Amino acid sequence: MKPLTSYDMLDGPEWIQDECAEGYRDGRRPDSPYPTSNLSPAYIHGFNNARRDAGTMPPVGMHEIASTWNMIVCSEIIE
């Protein structure tokens, strides 16, 4: 299996990518509260990844991150 990169995460409708990027930006700010369920799964995914990158959440493997992203994209497209 080839190594995954952040480029592999760019699939999906643009609005889902935007939500994830917004969550990531907010997650990088240490004063941001943890997102509630009224925010999209893509936003929360980005937020969690920012916290992992900052070292405030435990790391997970890239394949788990990619799998979660793929589930988010598929669930949003189907709805």
Protein backbone atom coordinates (compact mmCIF):
# COMPACT_ATOMS: atom_id res chain seq x y z
CA MET A 1 0.00 0.00 0.00
CA LYS A 2 1.38 3.40 -0.95
CA PRO A 3 1.83 6.00 1.80
CA LEU A 4 -1.00 8.49 2.08
CA THR A 5 -0.39 12.20 1.93
CA SER A 6 -2.54 15.22 2.68
CA TYR A 7 -3.13 15.50 -1.08
CA ASP A 8 -5.16 12.27 -0.87
CA MET A 9 -7.60 14.04 1.44
CA LEU A 10 -8.73 16.55 -1.16
CA ASP A 11 -11.53 14.46 -2.65
CA GLY A 12 -15.11 15.49 -2.13
CA PRO A 13 -17.30 18.49 -2.85
CA GLU A 14 -15.68 21.86 -2.32
CA TRP A 15 -18.03 22.85 0.52
CA ILE A 16 -16.97 19.76 2.49
CA GLN A 17 -13.33 20.65 1.97
CA ASP A 18 -14.07 24.22 3.10
CA GLU A 19 -15.77 22.97 6.27
CA CYS A 20 -12.78 20.77 7.07
CA ALA A 21 -10.33 23.64 6.48
CA GLU A 22 -12.39 25.94 8.70
CA GLY A 23 -12.40 23.33 11.46
CA TYR A 24 -8.65 22.90 11.10
CA ARG A 25 -8.04 26.65 11.40
CA ASP A 26 -10.21 26.82 14.51
CA GLY A 27 -8.55 23.74 15.98
CA ARG A 28 -5.14 25.39 15.70
CA ARG A 29 -6.31 28.20 17.98
CA PRO A 30 -5.76 27.01 21.56
CA ASP A 31 -8.71 29.06 22.86
CA SER A 32 -11.26 27.41 20.55
CA PRO A 33 -13.82 25.27 22.39
CA TYR A 34 -14.37 21.73 21.20
CA PRO A 35 -17.06 21.71 18.48
CA THR A 36 -20.58 20.62 19.33
CA SER A 37 -22.80 18.33 17.29
CA ASN A 38 -24.41 21.29 15.53
CA LEU A 39 -21.28 21.55 13.37
CA SER A 40 -20.62 19.30 10.38
CA PRO A 41 -18.60 16.08 10.61
CA ALA A 42 -16.12 17.61 8.15
CA TYR A 43 -15.58 20.60 10.46
CA ILE A 44 -15.07 18.33 13.47
CA HIS A 45 -12.68 16.13 11.47
CA GLY A 46 -10.57 19.17 10.58
CA PHE A 47 -10.68 20.41 14.17
CA ASN A 48 -9.52 17.04 15.53
CA ASN A 49 -6.68 16.83 13.03
CA ALA A 50 -5.48 20.31 13.99
CA ARG A 51 -5.45 19.29 17.65
CA ARG A 52 -3.52 16.12 16.75
CA ASP A 53 -1.00 18.17 14.78
CA ALA A 54 -0.64 20.52 17.76
CA GLY A 55 -0.06 17.54 20.07
CA THR A 56 -3.10 18.15 22.29
CA MET A 57 -4.89 14.99 21.10
CA PRO A 58 -3.35 11.55 20.67
CA PRO A 59 -2.16 10.83 17.12
CA VAL A 60 -3.86 8.30 14.86
CA GLY A 61 -2.60 6.66 11.69
CA MET A 62 -3.02 8.35 8.33
CA HIS A 63 -5.13 5.44 7.09
CA GLU A 64 -7.60 5.99 9.92
CA ILE A 65 -7.78 9.69 9.09
CA ALA A 66 -8.32 8.91 5.38
CA SER A 67 -10.96 6.31 6.19
CA THR A 68 -12.85 8.76 8.39
CA TRP A 69 -12.66 11.41 5.67
CA ASN A 70 -13.98 8.99 3.06
CA MET A 71 -16.93 8.07 5.30
CA ILE A 72 -17.71 11.79 5.80
CA VAL A 73 -17.61 12.49 2.06
CA CYS A 74 -19.74 9.44 1.20
CA SER A 75 -22.34 10.20 3.87
CA GLU A 76 -22.70 13.82 2.72
CA ILE A 77 -22.98 12.91 -0.96
CA ILE A 78 -25.64 10.25 -0.32
CA GLU A 79 -27.90 12.51 1.77
